[in-house]
Amino acid sequence: MQRLNRTETMRIFALTLLLSSATCGGMSAGDQPDQAAELEFEVLGGLQTAAADSVAVAGTRRGEATLTGVITTPTPCYELTARLAEDGHTLVLHITASPLPRICPQVVASFEYRARLHHLGGGTYAVKVTYSYPGSGWDGKSHDLRVELPD
């Protein structure tokens, strides 16, 4: 077996380091792996009286932001679903209010919700929260937020 000289050994070491850095995405110990942002959505309940639509940042920590809000619906018999779309540092939270197929009092209702967005990198995010009401005759609404996450 042939012994490598110092220069050859350093070249192999540098190449190994370069390749391992490339396969690990060049991450340092503080970085998070590249993952798509994820959403946990929870309807906290209906309010006793109708309230104005709203959304706010309830809290942030490394890798996640929690939003809380209120959505008004045409009647109390609506189901809320949510999905998250991501485009770089812009996040769009789509909340859809769909009528449930049953007889329902014809009064405006409001629901509180919490949305936890996680697997986010540090930095500033533009967050757009949209409300839609398919088949209800109500116009959609949107709210724009800015979220700062620690690195």
Protein backbone atom coordinates (compact mmCIF):
# COMPACT_ATOMS: atom_id res chain seq x y z
CA MET A 1 0.00 0.00 0.00
CA GLN A 2 1.37 3.38 -1.01
CA ARG A 3 1.62 6.11 1.62
CA LEU A 4 0.20 9.58 0.72
CA ASN A 5 2.33 12.66 1.14
CA ARG A 6 1.12 15.66 3.17
CA THR A 7 -0.19 17.61 0.13
CA GLU A 8 -2.21 14.64 -1.14
CA THR A 9 -3.62 14.03 2.35
CA MET A 10 -4.71 17.70 2.65
CA ARG A 11 -6.37 17.57 -0.79
CA ILE A 12 -8.33 14.45 0.15
CA PHE A 13 -9.31 16.02 3.49
CA ALA A 14 -10.47 19.24 1.77
CA LEU A 15 -12.44 17.27 -0.84
CA THR A 16 -14.07 15.13 1.87
CA LEU A 17 -15.00 18.26 3.82
CA LEU A 18 -16.43 19.90 0.71
CA LEU A 19 -18.50 16.84 -0.21
CA SER A 20 -19.84 16.35 3.31
CA SER A 21 -20.77 20.04 3.46
CA ALA A 22 -22.63 19.78 0.16
CA THR A 23 -24.57 16.67 1.18
CA CYS A 24 -25.57 18.26 4.48
CA GLY A 25 -26.68 21.44 2.75
CA GLY A 26 -23.86 23.39 4.37
CA MET A 27 -25.77 23.50 7.65
CA SER A 28 -24.24 24.68 10.85
CA ALA A 29 -25.34 23.40 14.25
CA GLY A 30 -27.86 26.24 14.62
CA ASP A 31 -29.54 25.75 11.24
CA GLN A 32 -32.77 23.85 10.74
CA PRO A 33 -33.06 21.30 7.93
CA ASP A 34 -34.90 22.44 4.82
CA GLN A 35 -38.52 21.46 5.36
CA ALA A 36 -41.78 22.82 4.13
CA ALA A 37 -43.66 24.98 6.59
CA GLU A 38 -46.40 23.08 8.40
CA LEU A 39 -49.72 24.15 9.87
CA GLU A 40 -51.61 23.07 12.97
CA PHE A 41 -55.08 24.64 12.94
CA GLU A 42 -57.56 24.53 15.79
CA VAL A 43 -61.02 26.06 16.14
CA LEU A 44 -61.22 27.20 19.75
CA GLY A 45 -64.99 27.63 19.73
CA GLY A 46 -67.87 29.85 18.80
CA LEU A 47 -68.42 33.21 20.46
CA GLN A 48 -71.69 34.08 22.21
CA THR A 49 -72.08 37.19 20.07
CA ALA A 50 -70.76 38.07 16.65
CA ALA A 51 -67.36 39.79 16.73
CA ALA A 52 -65.32 41.59 14.11
CA ASP A 53 -62.95 39.52 11.97
CA SER A 54 -59.39 39.78 13.22
CA VAL A 55 -56.02 38.05 13.29
CA ALA A 56 -52.90 38.73 15.34
CA VAL A 57 -49.53 37.21 16.11
CA ALA A 58 -49.96 35.57 19.52
CA GLY A 59 -46.34 34.50 19.86
CA THR A 60 -43.14 33.47 18.15
CA ARG A 61 -40.17 31.31 18.96
CA ARG A 62 -37.43 29.71 16.95
CA GLY A 63 -38.97 27.96 13.97
CA GLU A 64 -42.62 28.82 14.64
CA ALA A 65 -45.27 31.50 14.89
CA THR A 66 -48.69 31.25 16.50
CA LEU A 67 -51.59 33.29 15.15
CA THR A 68 -54.97 33.75 16.79
CA GLY A 69 -58.04 35.19 15.17
CA VAL A 70 -61.77 35.51 14.80
CA ILE A 71 -63.72 34.71 11.66
CA THR A 72 -67.37 35.70 11.19
CA THR A 73 -69.69 33.31 9.32
CA PRO A 74 -73.23 33.74 7.90
CA THR A 75 -74.65 31.29 10.46
CA PRO A 76 -73.29 29.21 13.36
CA CYS A 77 -73.50 26.05 11.21
CA TYR A 78 -70.16 26.38 9.42
CA GLU A 79 -67.06 24.24 9.44
CA LEU A 80 -63.63 25.86 9.25
CA THR A 81 -60.70 24.32 7.40
CA ALA A 82 -57.26 25.77 6.76
CA ARG A 83 -54.28 25.22 4.52
CA LEU A 84 -50.90 26.90 4.30
CA ALA A 85 -49.08 27.96 1.13
CA GLU A 86 -45.44 29.04 1.17
CA ASP A 87 -43.35 31.08 -1.23
CA GLY A 88 -39.98 31.92 0.29
CA HIS A 89 -40.59 34.33 3.15
CA THR A 90 -44.25 34.84 2.21
CA LEU A 91 -46.82 32.59 3.86
CA VAL A 92 -50.51 32.47 2.96
CA LEU A 93 -52.94 30.95 5.45
CA HIS A 94 -56.21 30.15 3.65
CA ILE A 95 -59.18 29.65 5.99
CA THR A 96 -62.36 28.37 4.37
CA ALA A 97 -65.78 28.51 6.05
CA SER A 98 -68.08 25.85 4.57
CA PRO A 99 -71.77 25.45 5.49
CA LEU A 100 -72.84 22.27 7.24
CA PRO A 101 -75.82 20.50 5.60
CA ARG A 102 -78.46 21.02 8.31
CA ILE A 103 -81.16 23.41 9.43
CA CYS A 104 -79.55 26.31 11.23
CA PRO A 105 -80.56 29.56 12.94
CA GLN A 106 -80.11 32.46 10.53
CA VAL A 107 -77.86 34.61 12.70
CA VAL A 108 -74.31 35.78 12.09
CA ALA A 109 -71.75 33.83 14.12
CA SER A 110 -68.06 34.16 14.99
CA PHE A 111 -65.44 31.54 15.71
CA GLU A 112 -62.07 31.89 17.42
CA TYR A 113 -59.13 29.94 16.03
CA ARG A 114 -55.43 29.31 16.59
CA ALA A 115 -52.94 28.54 13.81
CA ARG A 116 -49.44 27.35 14.61
CA LEU A 117 -47.02 27.67 11.69
CA HIS A 118 -43.87 25.65 12.24
CA HIS A 119 -40.73 24.38 10.48
CA LEU A 120 -39.87 27.98 9.60
CA GLY A 121 -36.40 29.45 9.33
CA GLY A 122 -35.43 32.64 11.10
CA GLY A 123 -36.15 36.02 9.56
CA THR A 124 -39.03 38.25 8.59
CA TYR A 125 -42.14 36.79 6.98
CA ALA A 126 -45.05 38.46 5.23
CA VAL A 127 -48.16 36.53 6.28
CA LYS A 128 -51.46 36.90 4.45
CA VAL A 129 -54.52 35.33 6.08
CA THR A 130 -57.49 34.89 3.76
CA TYR A 131 -61.08 34.06 4.67
CA SER A 132 -63.37 32.53 2.03
CA TYR A 133 -67.02 31.51 2.15
CA PRO A 134 -67.78 29.36 -0.91
CA GLY A 135 -71.43 29.29 -1.95
CA SER A 136 -72.53 31.78 0.74
CA GLY A 137 -72.67 34.99 -1.28
CA TRP A 138 -70.18 36.57 1.17
CA ASP A 139 -67.05 38.22 -0.21
CA GLY A 140 -63.68 36.89 0.87
CA LYS A 141 -61.49 38.89 3.24
CA SER A 142 -57.78 39.11 3.86
CA HIS A 143 -55.44 40.35 6.58
CA ASP A 144 -51.73 41.12 6.19
CA LEU A 145 -49.24 40.56 9.00
CA ARG A 146 -45.50 40.75 9.45
CA VAL A 147 -43.82 38.09 11.58
CA GLU A 148 -40.25 38.27 12.90
CA LEU A 149 -38.73 34.92 13.87
CA PRO A 150 -35.45 34.57 15.75
CA ASP A 151 -32.55 32.85 13.95
